[in-house]
Protein backbone atom coordinates (compact mmCIF):
# COMPACT_ATOMS: atom_id res chain seq x y z
CA MET A 1 0.00 0.00 0.00
CA LYS A 2 1.35 3.41 -0.90
CA LEU A 3 1.89 5.51 2.19
CA VAL A 4 1.29 9.23 2.26
CA ASP A 5 4.20 10.96 3.92
CA LYS A 6 2.64 14.38 4.21
CA ILE A 7 0.87 14.80 7.54
CA VAL A 8 -2.25 16.90 7.33
CA GLN A 9 -2.47 18.85 10.56
CA ARG A 10 -5.97 20.11 11.09
CA GLU A 11 -7.53 20.71 14.44
CA PRO A 12 -10.38 18.22 14.79
CA GLN A 13 -13.63 19.35 16.23
CA PRO A 14 -13.71 19.02 20.02
CA ASN A 15 -16.10 16.66 21.72
CA LYS A 16 -19.07 18.24 23.36
CA GLU A 17 -20.83 15.97 25.80
CA SER A 18 -20.68 12.86 27.92
CA PHE A 19 -23.29 10.19 27.49
CA GLY A 20 -24.10 6.72 28.75
CA ILE A 21 -21.17 4.39 28.65
CA LYS A 22 -19.43 6.58 26.05
CA CYS A 23 -18.00 10.04 25.99
CA ALA A 24 -18.69 11.66 22.66
CA GLN A 25 -20.07 14.73 20.94
CA LYS A 26 -22.15 15.65 20.82
CA ASN A 27 -31.07 5.08 3.12
CA GLU A 28 -32.41 3.73 2.04
CA THR A 29 -31.04 0.25 1.47
CA HIS A 30 -29.64 -0.59 -1.92
CA PRO A 31 -32.13 -2.79 -3.80
CA ARG A 32 -30.72 -5.65 -5.80
CA LEU A 33 -32.04 -7.94 -8.47
CA SER A 34 -33.08 -11.19 -6.90
CA THR A 35 -30.43 -13.25 -8.71
CA ASP A 36 -27.89 -15.33 -6.86
CA VAL A 37 -25.19 -14.35 -9.32
CA LEU A 38 -25.52 -10.64 -8.67
CA VAL A 39 -25.75 -11.10 -4.93
CA LYS A 40 -22.57 -13.17 -4.99
CA ILE A 41 -20.81 -10.58 -7.11
CA SER A 42 -21.87 -7.82 -4.72
CA GLN A 43 -20.67 -9.78 -1.71
CA ASN A 44 -17.36 -10.83 -3.17
CA GLY A 45 -15.36 -7.68 -3.30
CA THR A 46 -16.87 -5.28 -5.81
CA ASN A 47 -17.49 -1.72 -4.76
CA LYS A 48 -21.03 -1.11 -3.63
CA PRO A 49 -22.67 1.93 -5.26
CA MET A 50 -22.66 5.16 -3.30
CA ARG A 51 -25.89 5.81 -1.44
CA SER A 52 -27.14 9.14 -0.27
CA ARG A 53 -24.47 9.91 2.25
CA GLY A 54 -24.77 11.73 5.49
CA ALA A 55 -23.57 15.27 5.81
CA GLY A 56 -19.93 15.92 5.90
CA THR A 57 -19.11 13.89 2.84
CA ARG A 58 -16.46 15.04 0.51
CA ALA A 59 -17.01 12.03 -1.71
CA ALA A 60 -15.81 11.93 -5.27
CA ALA A 61 -18.28 10.56 -7.76
CA THR A 62 -18.17 6.78 -7.95
CA PRO A 63 -17.23 5.55 -11.47
CA TRP A 64 -20.12 3.97 -13.32
CA ASN A 65 -20.14 0.22 -12.93
CA PRO A 66 -22.55 -2.03 -14.83
CA ILE A 67 -22.92 -4.37 -11.84
CA HIS A 68 -23.88 -1.45 -9.62
CA PHE A 69 -26.32 -0.21 -12.22
CA LEU A 70 -27.95 -3.56 -12.78
CA THR A 71 -28.18 -4.40 -9.10
CA SER A 72 -29.90 -1.10 -8.38
CA LEU A 73 -32.76 -1.77 -10.78
CA ASN A 74 -36.19 -2.41 -9.38
CA PRO A 75 -36.82 -6.13 -9.91
CA THR A 76 -40.57 -5.56 -10.03
CA SER A 77 -40.48 -2.94 -12.79
CA GLU A 78 -41.61 -3.92 -16.25
CA ILE A 79 -38.95 -3.85 -18.99
CA PRO A 80 -39.89 -3.60 -22.68
CA PRO A 81 -38.74 -6.55 -24.83
CA MET A 82 -35.98 -4.68 -26.65
CA LYS A 83 -34.63 -3.17 -23.44
CA SER A 84 -34.95 -6.55 -21.80
CA ALA A 85 -32.70 -8.09 -24.43
CA ILE A 86 -30.15 -5.33 -23.97
CA LEU A 87 -30.37 -5.79 -20.23
CA ARG A 88 -29.69 -9.53 -20.53
CA SER A 89 -26.64 -8.81 -22.65
CA LEU A 90 -25.34 -6.28 -20.16
CA LEU A 91 -26.04 -8.67 -17.32
CA ALA A 92 -24.04 -11.44 -18.98
CA ALA A 93 -21.12 -9.09 -19.69
CA ALA A 94 -21.25 -7.60 -16.20
CA THR A 95 -21.35 -11.05 -14.63
CA PHE A 96 -18.31 -12.20 -16.59
CA THR A 97 -16.43 -8.97 -15.87
CA GLY A 98 -17.33 -9.09 -12.20
CA PHE A 99 -15.95 -12.58 -11.75
CA ALA A 100 -12.92 -11.88 -13.91
CA CYS A 101 -11.94 -8.67 -12.14
CA SER A 102 -12.83 -9.52 -8.57
CA THR A 103 -11.29 -12.65 -7.19
CA PRO A 104 -11.54 -12.67 -3.40
CA SER A 105 -9.27 -14.71 -1.22
CA ALA A 106 -10.26 -18.16 -0.03
CA SER A 107 -10.94 -16.76 3.44
CA ALA A 108 -13.38 -14.24 1.97
CA GLN A 109 -15.14 -16.98 0.04
CA ASP A 110 -15.43 -19.00 3.25
CA ASN A 111 -16.61 -15.88 5.15
CA LYS A 112 -13.74 -16.41 7.58
CA PRO A 113 -11.23 -13.59 8.09
CA PRO A 114 -7.57 -14.55 8.25
CA VAL A 115 -6.08 -15.29 11.68
CA PRO A 116 -2.39 -14.49 12.33
CA SER A 117 -0.28 -17.49 13.29
CA GLY A 118 1.86 -17.46 16.40
CA ASN A 119 1.49 -15.14 19.37
CA VAL A 120 0.62 -11.58 18.39
CA THR A 121 -0.05 -8.53 20.57
CA PHE A 122 -1.41 -5.29 19.12
CA SER A 123 -2.01 -1.93 20.74
CA PHE A 124 -5.47 -0.40 20.88
CA TRP A 125 -6.34 3.13 22.00
CA GLY A 126 -9.87 3.52 23.38
CA ILE A 127 -12.02 5.63 25.68
CA ALA A 128 -11.60 4.56 29.29
CA THR A 129 -15.32 4.75 30.09
CA THR A 130 -16.29 2.47 27.20
CA PRO A 131 -16.59 -1.20 28.20
CA TRP A 132 -14.02 -2.40 25.68
CA ARG A 133 -12.89 -5.02 28.20
CA VAL A 134 -15.94 -7.23 27.60
CA MET A 135 -15.15 -7.40 23.89
CA ILE A 136 -11.40 -7.76 24.42
CA ASP A 137 -11.92 -10.69 26.77
CA ASP A 138 -14.29 -12.40 24.35
CA TYR A 139 -11.87 -11.84 21.46
CA GLN A 140 -8.90 -13.19 23.40
CA LYS A 141 -10.92 -16.21 24.45
CA ALA A 142 -11.82 -16.94 20.83
CA TYR A 143 -8.21 -16.38 19.70
CA PRO A 144 -5.88 -17.36 22.57
CA ASN A 145 -2.76 -16.48 20.57
CA LEU A 146 -3.88 -12.87 20.09
CA LYS A 147 -3.65 -10.20 22.77
CA VAL A 148 -4.96 -6.63 22.94
CA ASN A 149 -2.93 -4.00 24.78
CA TRP A 150 -5.63 -1.44 25.60
CA THR A 151 -4.43 2.08 26.40
CA LYS A 152 -7.19 4.05 28.11
CA TYR A 153 -7.83 7.70 27.36
CA SER A 154 -10.45 10.30 28.18
CA THR A 155 -12.35 11.83 25.28
CA ASP A 156 -10.08 14.84 24.92
CA GLU A 157 -6.93 12.84 25.66
CA ILE A 158 -7.49 10.43 22.78
CA LYS A 159 -7.98 13.32 20.36
CA GLN A 160 -4.75 14.87 21.55
CA ALA A 161 -2.93 11.53 21.39
CA LEU A 162 -4.05 10.98 17.81
CA ARG A 163 -2.96 14.47 16.73
CA VAL A 164 0.46 14.21 18.35
CA SER A 165 1.17 10.65 17.27
CA SER A 166 0.06 11.34 13.70
CA ALA A 167 2.42 14.31 13.48
CA ALA A 168 5.22 12.16 14.92
CA GLY A 169 4.47 9.33 12.49
CA LYS A 170 3.96 6.73 15.22
CA MET A 171 0.43 5.67 16.13
CA GLY A 172 -1.24 2.75 17.88
CA ASP A 173 -2.01 -0.34 15.84
CA ALA A 174 -5.72 0.50 16.15
CA TRP A 175 -7.78 3.23 17.77
CA TYR A 176 -11.32 4.34 18.49
CA ASN A 177 -12.50 7.42 16.60
CA TRP A 178 -15.56 9.31 15.46
CA GLY A 179 -16.11 10.25 11.82
CA GLY A 180 -16.24 13.37 9.71
CA THR A 181 -13.55 15.94 10.43
CA LEU A 182 -12.52 14.04 13.54
CA ALA A 183 -11.22 11.19 11.37
CA SER A 184 -10.44 12.76 7.99
CA PRO A 185 -7.00 14.17 8.94
CA TYR A 186 -5.74 10.62 9.54
CA ASP A 187 -7.44 9.34 6.39
CA ASP A 188 -5.90 12.09 4.27
CA ALA A 189 -2.47 11.65 5.85
CA GLY A 190 -2.35 7.97 4.99
CA GLN A 191 -2.25 6.98 8.67
CA ALA A 192 -5.59 5.15 8.73
CA LEU A 193 -5.68 1.95 6.70
CA GLU A 194 -8.03 2.07 3.73
CA LEU A 195 -10.47 -0.81 3.85
CA THR A 196 -10.56 -1.75 0.19
CA PRO A 197 -13.53 -3.70 -1.19
CA GLN A 198 -11.39 -6.84 -0.92
CA LEU A 199 -10.64 -6.19 2.77
CA GLN A 200 -14.31 -5.40 3.40
CA ALA A 201 -15.30 -8.75 1.92
CA GLU A 202 -12.46 -10.58 3.67
CA TYR A 203 -13.43 -9.27 7.12
CA GLY A 204 -17.20 -9.25 6.63
CA VAL A 205 -17.57 -5.48 6.80
CA ASP A 206 -19.69 -5.35 3.65
CA ARG A 207 -22.04 -7.99 5.07
CA ASN A 208 -22.24 -7.09 8.74
CA ILE A 209 -22.36 -3.27 8.89
CA LEU A 210 -25.47 -1.18 8.27
CA PRO A 211 -25.41 0.77 4.97
CA SER A 212 -26.17 4.02 6.82
CA ALA A 213 -23.13 3.51 9.05
CA LEU A 214 -20.88 2.76 6.09
CA ASP A 215 -22.19 5.86 4.34
CA LEU A 216 -21.24 8.04 7.28
CA ALA A 217 -17.85 6.39 7.70
CA ARG A 218 -16.70 6.88 4.12
CA HIS A 219 -14.38 9.74 3.31
CA ASN A 220 -13.95 10.81 -0.31
CA GLY A 221 -15.74 7.63 -1.30
CA LYS A 222 -13.36 5.35 0.60
CA LEU A 223 -13.67 3.48 3.89
CA TYR A 224 -11.02 3.91 6.58
CA GLY A 225 -12.63 2.30 9.59
CA VAL A 226 -15.11 -0.29 10.82
CA PRO A 227 -18.25 1.36 12.31
CA ILE A 228 -19.16 0.03 15.75
CA TRP A 229 -22.05 2.27 16.86
CA VAL A 230 -24.48 4.64 15.16
CA ARG A 231 -25.91 7.52 17.21
CA PRO A 232 -29.02 9.16 15.72
CA MET A 233 -30.08 12.55 17.08
CA THR A 234 -33.70 13.57 16.80
CA ILE A 235 -36.77 14.94 18.57
CA ILE A 236 -37.83 13.13 21.75
CA TYR A 237 -41.15 14.07 23.31
CA LYS A 238 -42.64 13.47 26.74
CA LYS A 239 -45.66 11.24 26.33
CA SER A 240 -47.44 12.23 29.56
CA LEU A 241 -47.43 15.91 28.55
CA PHE A 242 -48.65 15.14 25.06
CA ASP A 243 -51.42 12.98 26.50
CA LYS A 244 -52.38 15.71 28.96
CA TYR A 245 -53.01 18.19 26.15
CA GLY A 246 -54.41 15.73 23.63
CA LEU A 247 -51.41 15.91 21.31
CA THR A 248 -50.12 13.23 18.97
CA ALA A 249 -46.61 12.80 17.63
CA PRO A 250 -46.11 15.11 14.63
CA LYS A 251 -45.40 13.41 11.33
CA THR A 252 -44.95 16.53 9.18
CA PHE A 253 -43.25 19.87 9.65
CA ASP A 254 -46.58 21.69 9.75
CA GLU A 255 -47.85 19.32 12.43
CA LEU A 256 -44.70 19.96 14.46
CA GLU A 257 -45.31 23.71 14.39
CA LYS A 258 -48.95 23.23 15.38
CA VAL A 259 -47.84 21.12 18.35
CA CYS A 260 -45.44 23.91 19.32
CA GLU A 261 -48.23 26.48 19.17
CA THR A 262 -50.49 24.38 21.39
CA LEU A 263 -47.78 23.77 23.97
CA LYS A 264 -46.83 27.43 24.05
CA SER A 265 -50.48 28.38 24.63
CA LYS A 266 -50.49 26.04 27.65
CA GLY A 267 -47.45 27.70 29.16
CA ILE A 268 -45.10 24.86 28.22
CA ALA A 269 -41.88 25.48 26.31
CA PRO A 270 -42.07 23.27 23.22
CA PHE A 271 -38.33 22.56 23.24
CA ALA A 272 -35.75 22.27 26.00
CA CYS A 273 -32.39 23.52 24.76
CA GLY A 274 -29.06 24.38 26.34
CA GLY A 275 -27.39 26.72 23.88
CA LYS A 276 -24.37 27.77 25.93
CA PHE A 277 -21.85 25.91 23.77
CA SER A 278 -23.76 26.34 20.50
CA TRP A 279 -23.91 22.65 19.52
CA MET A 280 -27.34 21.93 21.00
CA THR A 281 -28.84 24.88 19.12
CA MET A 282 -27.00 23.61 16.06
CA ARG A 283 -29.10 20.42 16.07
CA PHE A 284 -32.20 22.52 15.42
CA THR A 285 -30.42 24.61 12.79
CA ASP A 286 -29.26 21.47 11.00
CA PHE A 287 -32.80 20.07 11.07
CA LEU A 288 -34.21 23.27 9.58
CA ILE A 289 -31.58 23.23 6.82
CA GLU A 290 -32.48 19.60 6.05
CA HIS A 291 -36.14 20.68 5.79
CA PHE A 292 -35.70 23.75 3.61
CA ALA A 293 -32.65 22.78 1.55
CA GLY A 294 -33.22 19.03 1.27
CA PRO A 295 -30.71 16.19 1.58
CA ALA A 296 -28.83 16.77 -1.69
CA MET A 297 -28.16 20.43 -1.06
CA HIS A 298 -27.49 19.82 2.63
CA ASP A 299 -24.73 17.41 1.67
CA LYS A 300 -23.33 19.90 -0.84
CA LEU A 301 -23.18 22.56 1.85
CA PHE A 302 -21.03 20.26 3.94
CA SER A 303 -18.79 19.39 1.00
CA LEU A 304 -18.49 23.15 0.33
CA GLU A 305 -20.11 22.76 -3.09
CA ALA A 306 -23.20 24.87 -2.31
CA SER A 307 -23.55 28.37 -0.93
CA TYR A 308 -24.83 29.29 2.52
CA ASN A 309 -26.12 32.43 0.83
CA SER A 310 -28.75 30.36 -0.98
CA PRO A 311 -32.43 31.17 -0.41
CA GLU A 312 -33.04 27.73 1.14
CA VAL A 313 -30.45 28.24 3.87
CA ILE A 314 -31.63 31.78 4.52
CA LYS A 315 -35.16 30.38 5.00
CA ALA A 316 -33.81 27.89 7.53
CA PHE A 317 -32.09 30.63 9.54
CA ALA A 318 -35.20 32.79 9.29
CA LYS A 319 -37.29 29.92 10.69
CA LEU A 320 -34.86 29.47 13.58
CA LYS A 321 -35.23 33.16 14.40
CA GLU A 322 -39.02 32.85 14.13
CA TRP A 323 -39.03 29.94 16.60
CA VAL A 324 -36.91 31.97 19.02
CA THR A 325 -39.23 34.96 18.70
CA LYS A 326 -42.33 32.81 19.25
CA GLY A 327 -40.86 31.33 22.41
CA TYR A 328 -40.52 27.77 21.18
CA PHE A 329 -37.39 27.40 23.32
CA ASN A 330 -37.04 27.82 27.07
CA ASP A 331 -36.31 31.35 28.27
CA GLY A 332 -32.62 32.23 28.23
CA PHE A 333 -31.70 29.02 26.41
CA ILE A 334 -28.76 30.62 24.60
CA SER A 335 -26.80 30.84 27.87
CA LEU A 336 -28.06 27.60 29.46
CA ASP A 337 -25.64 24.72 29.99
CA PRO A 338 -26.77 21.69 27.94
CA ASN A 339 -26.75 19.54 31.09
CA GLN A 340 -29.54 21.75 32.45
CA ALA A 341 -31.85 21.14 29.50
CA ASP A 342 -32.96 17.62 30.46
CA PRO A 343 -34.40 18.65 33.85
CA LEU A 344 -36.77 21.03 32.05
CA LEU A 345 -38.21 18.01 30.28
CA PHE A 346 -38.37 15.95 33.44
CA GLN A 347 -40.09 18.76 35.39
CA ASP A 348 -42.79 19.33 32.73
CA LYS A 349 -41.39 22.76 31.88
CA ALA A 350 -40.68 21.64 28.33
CA ALA A 351 -42.22 18.90 26.20
CA MET A 352 -39.53 18.01 23.65
CA ILE A 353 -35.77 17.87 23.28
CA PHE A 354 -33.40 17.26 20.36
CA ASP A 355 -31.12 14.54 21.65
CA GLY A 356 -29.56 11.12 21.09
CA PRO A 357 -29.90 7.63 22.58
CA TRP A 358 -27.50 8.41 25.41
CA ILE A 359 -30.27 10.40 27.12
CA GLU A 360 -31.82 7.05 28.07
CA ASP A 361 -28.99 5.66 30.20
CA GLN A 362 -27.22 8.85 31.19
CA HIS A 363 -30.23 10.94 32.23
CA ILE A 364 -33.62 9.20 32.20
CA ILE A 365 -32.74 5.86 33.79
CA ALA A 366 -30.10 7.51 35.98
CA ALA A 367 -32.86 9.76 37.35
CA HIS A 368 -35.05 6.67 38.02
CA LEU A 369 -37.59 7.77 35.43
CA ASP A 370 -39.56 5.57 33.05
CA PRO A 371 -37.92 5.62 29.61
CA LYS A 372 -41.23 4.57 28.04
CA ASN A 373 -42.52 8.07 28.85
CA TYR A 374 -40.00 9.59 26.42
CA ILE A 375 -40.66 8.80 22.78
CA PRO A 376 -38.25 9.45 19.91
CA ILE A 377 -39.71 10.40 16.55
CA ILE A 378 -38.13 10.85 13.16
CA ALA A 379 -37.72 14.63 13.03
CA PRO A 380 -40.23 15.55 10.29
CA ALA A 381 -38.13 17.25 7.65
CA ASP A 382 -40.62 16.28 4.92
CA GLN A 383 -37.82 15.11 2.65
CA THR A 384 -36.85 12.02 0.69
CA PRO A 385 -34.76 10.09 1.47
CA VAL A 386 -35.80 10.18 5.11
CA ARG A 387 -32.85 11.15 7.30
CA VAL A 388 -32.13 12.30 10.81
CA SER A 389 -29.00 13.82 12.27
CA GLY A 390 -26.44 11.36 13.57
CA PHE A 391 -22.90 10.07 13.58
CA GLN A 392 -21.02 6.81 13.69
CA GLU A 393 -18.16 5.68 15.89
CA GLN A 394 -15.51 3.38 14.52
CA VAL A 395 -12.30 1.44 14.95
CA GLN A 396 -9.46 2.51 12.67
CA VAL A 397 -6.26 0.57 11.97
CA TRP A 398 -2.81 2.07 11.42
CA SER A 399 -1.65 1.65 7.83
CA LYS A 400 2.00 1.35 8.93
CA SER A 401 1.58 -1.40 11.52
CA LYS A 402 3.45 -4.66 11.05
CA GLU A 403 1.50 -7.20 9.03
CA ASP A 404 0.58 -9.51 11.93
CA GLN A 405 -0.48 -6.62 14.17
CA GLN A 406 -2.54 -5.18 11.35
CA LYS A 407 -4.28 -8.49 10.73
CA ALA A 408 -4.96 -8.98 14.44
CA ALA A 409 -6.41 -5.47 14.72
CA LEU A 410 -8.62 -5.98 11.68
CA LEU A 411 -9.75 -9.30 13.08
CA PHE A 412 -10.68 -7.59 16.37
CA ALA A 413 -12.83 -5.02 14.55
CA ALA A 414 -14.42 -7.81 12.51
CA PHE A 415 -15.00 -9.99 15.57
CA ILE A 416 -16.82 -7.37 17.64
CA THR A 417 -19.07 -6.54 14.68
CA THR A 418 -20.03 -10.14 14.04
CA PRO A 419 -23.82 -10.27 14.54
CA ASP A 420 -23.83 -12.98 17.21
CA VAL A 421 -21.04 -11.33 19.20
CA ALA A 422 -22.57 -7.86 18.92
CA GLN A 423 -26.00 -9.13 19.97
CA ARG A 424 -24.58 -11.11 22.88
CA HIS A 425 -22.97 -8.00 24.37
CA ILE A 426 -25.48 -5.33 23.26
CA ALA A 427 -26.63 -4.54 26.81
CA GLU A 428 -23.07 -4.09 28.07
CA PHE A 429 -21.36 -2.62 25.02
CA GLY A 430 -23.89 0.03 24.10
CA SER A 431 -26.34 0.77 21.35
CA PRO A 432 -27.57 1.39 18.72
CA SER A 433 -25.13 -1.01 17.14
CA ALA A 434 -23.82 -0.50 13.61
CA VAL A 435 -24.28 -4.23 12.99
CA VAL A 436 -27.07 -5.50 10.74
CA GLY A 437 -29.90 -7.14 12.68
CA VAL A 438 -28.59 -6.28 16.14
CA LEU A 439 -31.15 -4.54 18.36
CA PRO A 440 -31.00 -3.15 21.92
CA PRO A 441 -32.86 -5.00 24.70
CA PRO A 442 -36.55 -4.19 25.31
CA ASP A 443 -35.74 -2.25 28.50
CA ARG A 444 -34.05 0.40 26.34
CA PRO A 445 -37.06 1.56 24.31
CA ILE A 446 -35.48 4.79 23.04
CA ALA A 447 -32.37 3.09 21.68
CA LEU A 448 -34.51 0.21 20.41
CA GLU A 449 -36.78 2.49 18.41
CA MET A 450 -33.82 4.34 16.90
CA ALA A 451 -32.12 1.06 16.05
CA LYS A 452 -35.24 -0.10 14.23
CA TRP A 453 -35.13 3.04 12.09
CA LEU A 454 -31.56 2.30 11.12
CA GLN A 455 -32.27 -1.34 10.39
CA ARG A 456 -35.05 -0.43 7.99
CA GLY A 457 -32.92 2.10 6.12
CA VAL A 458 -33.51 5.55 7.64
CA GLY A 459 -30.50 7.61 6.64
CA LEU A 460 -28.31 9.95 8.63
CA TYR A 461 -26.67 13.30 8.00
CA LEU A 462 -23.69 14.39 10.07
CA PRO A 463 -24.08 17.29 12.48
CA THR A 464 -22.32 20.43 11.30
CA ASP A 465 -19.62 20.18 13.96
CA GLN A 466 -18.48 16.82 12.58
CA ALA A 467 -19.03 17.69 8.94
CA LEU A 468 -17.10 20.95 8.56
CA PRO A 469 -13.50 21.87 9.35
CA GLN A 470 -13.13 23.46 12.76
CA GLU A 471 -12.57 26.93 11.34
CA LEU A 472 -15.94 26.79 9.62
CA VAL A 473 -17.71 25.21 12.59
CA ASN A 474 -16.76 28.23 14.69
CA ALA A 475 -17.99 30.59 11.98
CA PHE A 476 -21.27 28.67 11.74
CA TRP A 477 -21.80 28.83 15.49
CA GLN A 478 -20.97 32.52 15.71
CA ALA A 479 -23.46 33.36 12.97
CA GLN A 480 -26.12 31.08 14.44
CA ASP A 481 -25.82 32.50 17.95
CA SER A 482 -25.69 36.07 16.70
CA LEU A 483 -28.95 35.39 14.87
CA VAL A 484 -30.51 34.07 18.07
CA LEU A 485 -29.32 37.12 20.00
CA GLY A 486 -30.68 39.47 17.34
CA THR A 487 -27.39 41.01 16.25
CA LEU A 488 -27.51 39.45 12.77
CA THR A 489 -30.36 39.02 10.30
CA PRO A 490 -30.81 35.64 8.58
CA GLU A 491 -29.29 37.10 5.43
CA ALA A 492 -26.30 38.55 7.29
CA ALA A 493 -25.76 35.34 9.24
CA CYS A 494 -25.65 33.23 6.07
CA ALA A 495 -23.38 35.74 4.35
CA GLN A 496 -20.99 35.60 7.30
CA ILE A 497 -20.77 31.81 7.08
CA GLN A 498 -20.25 31.87 3.32
CA LYS A 499 -17.49 34.46 3.71
CA ALA A 500 -15.69 32.10 6.06
CA VAL A 501 -16.18 29.25 3.57
CA ASP A 502 -14.72 31.31 0.73
CA GLN A 503 -11.73 32.30 2.84
CA TYR A 504 -11.17 28.71 3.89
CA LYS A 505 -11.34 27.42 0.31
CA GLY A 506 -8.84 30.10 -0.75
CA THR A 507 -6.33 29.17 1.94
CA PRO A 508 -3.63 26.65 0.95
CA LYS A 509 -4.04 23.45 2.97
């Protein structure tokens, strides 16, 4: 593998919150023709076609591939005779080409990843509060000749360790990381191992990981890590308050605003928000951009291919200001610590919150409250494909590790994302899992509901603070908060962000 010697030094976005057993900030499925040949081709090392990716992608266009094209066709659609004949010819050619050009290893054909021979120890850097030990012990039991040397870090410590070690050219054999701009510096610098289609097939990544998680993990169309968890962020409402005022869960944007009006008329803040550090307010801003701009443009904003001066983005910022003016957020939210937002929900002072699955363990269950009284909904952006905000968390492998250490590290990532292993440890290891078919236990209804969305193909877009470079995240937050405080108009706020984008694009990297 060609190594990239140039180290890209870019300050990754800092983590924002602690949740559950982790400390972290804070698609539709691809249809295939029902032919065994095409399924086997898809599973044996060919690139899968790009799906609608989450925000933060800087993906290059995927070259056209006849297998991808044919496998994306609707098998139930009617094909005219002439086109059908052409299709059969293409199918035959694509099948031959697929088998001729993609010859996976014997281990991939047997669905068994390679196991290093002899005694091998590899280093792994992970968050101290994450129960990695349960997975490490299981892995070492399954492979007695392989050992994991786990170095424990806090959230900020691991970010610092990765920056320093990358600059020094000496990293751990494998490490935990987030995605977006938290991972891209190591991808671009050639430090993180690229998981080629052959490696994905060899280690079961293409079979075992949810498409939405793979979409979020890809950088410039390539995969540099194995997703372990997926964390959706969306609207969660308090059922007892909704029942009290005869409200039902909103399914459209208009219904959401009507619910807000009713709650406000009853003296209840529709949304609990702690805007002190900007990122909790950002969740609402991102949602409004998804609604007004739509998924395609939202993604282009994050890849710096669309303008924040566009009418759609201005409408989103104008709607945020309107919600502030109408009192849809708790009084003084812009200076409230995010940790003080949840109590407003618990004390019936607010009816909804924009949060992730960690609220269940970290706040609701910890406060001895019934999690069944807090219901997550798909934030109604009224767009197709259906997406919510979210991010994935992954294991990356050092591209410069010795061969045996690299294989052992890849095997570890593959082992913990094997469906039976992931399901066996779901209660201890955390959820929602990035593994296909793995669901949280019934006593975690919030995480369970979110996991069901992911399993049936609901997509994700990255939050702005994982999608944009840090310089632009700060500019986004400053403009957003100035809008809330009334010192910038929606037009001026969007212009300020776009100015920062233009300056960033004009600066040599």
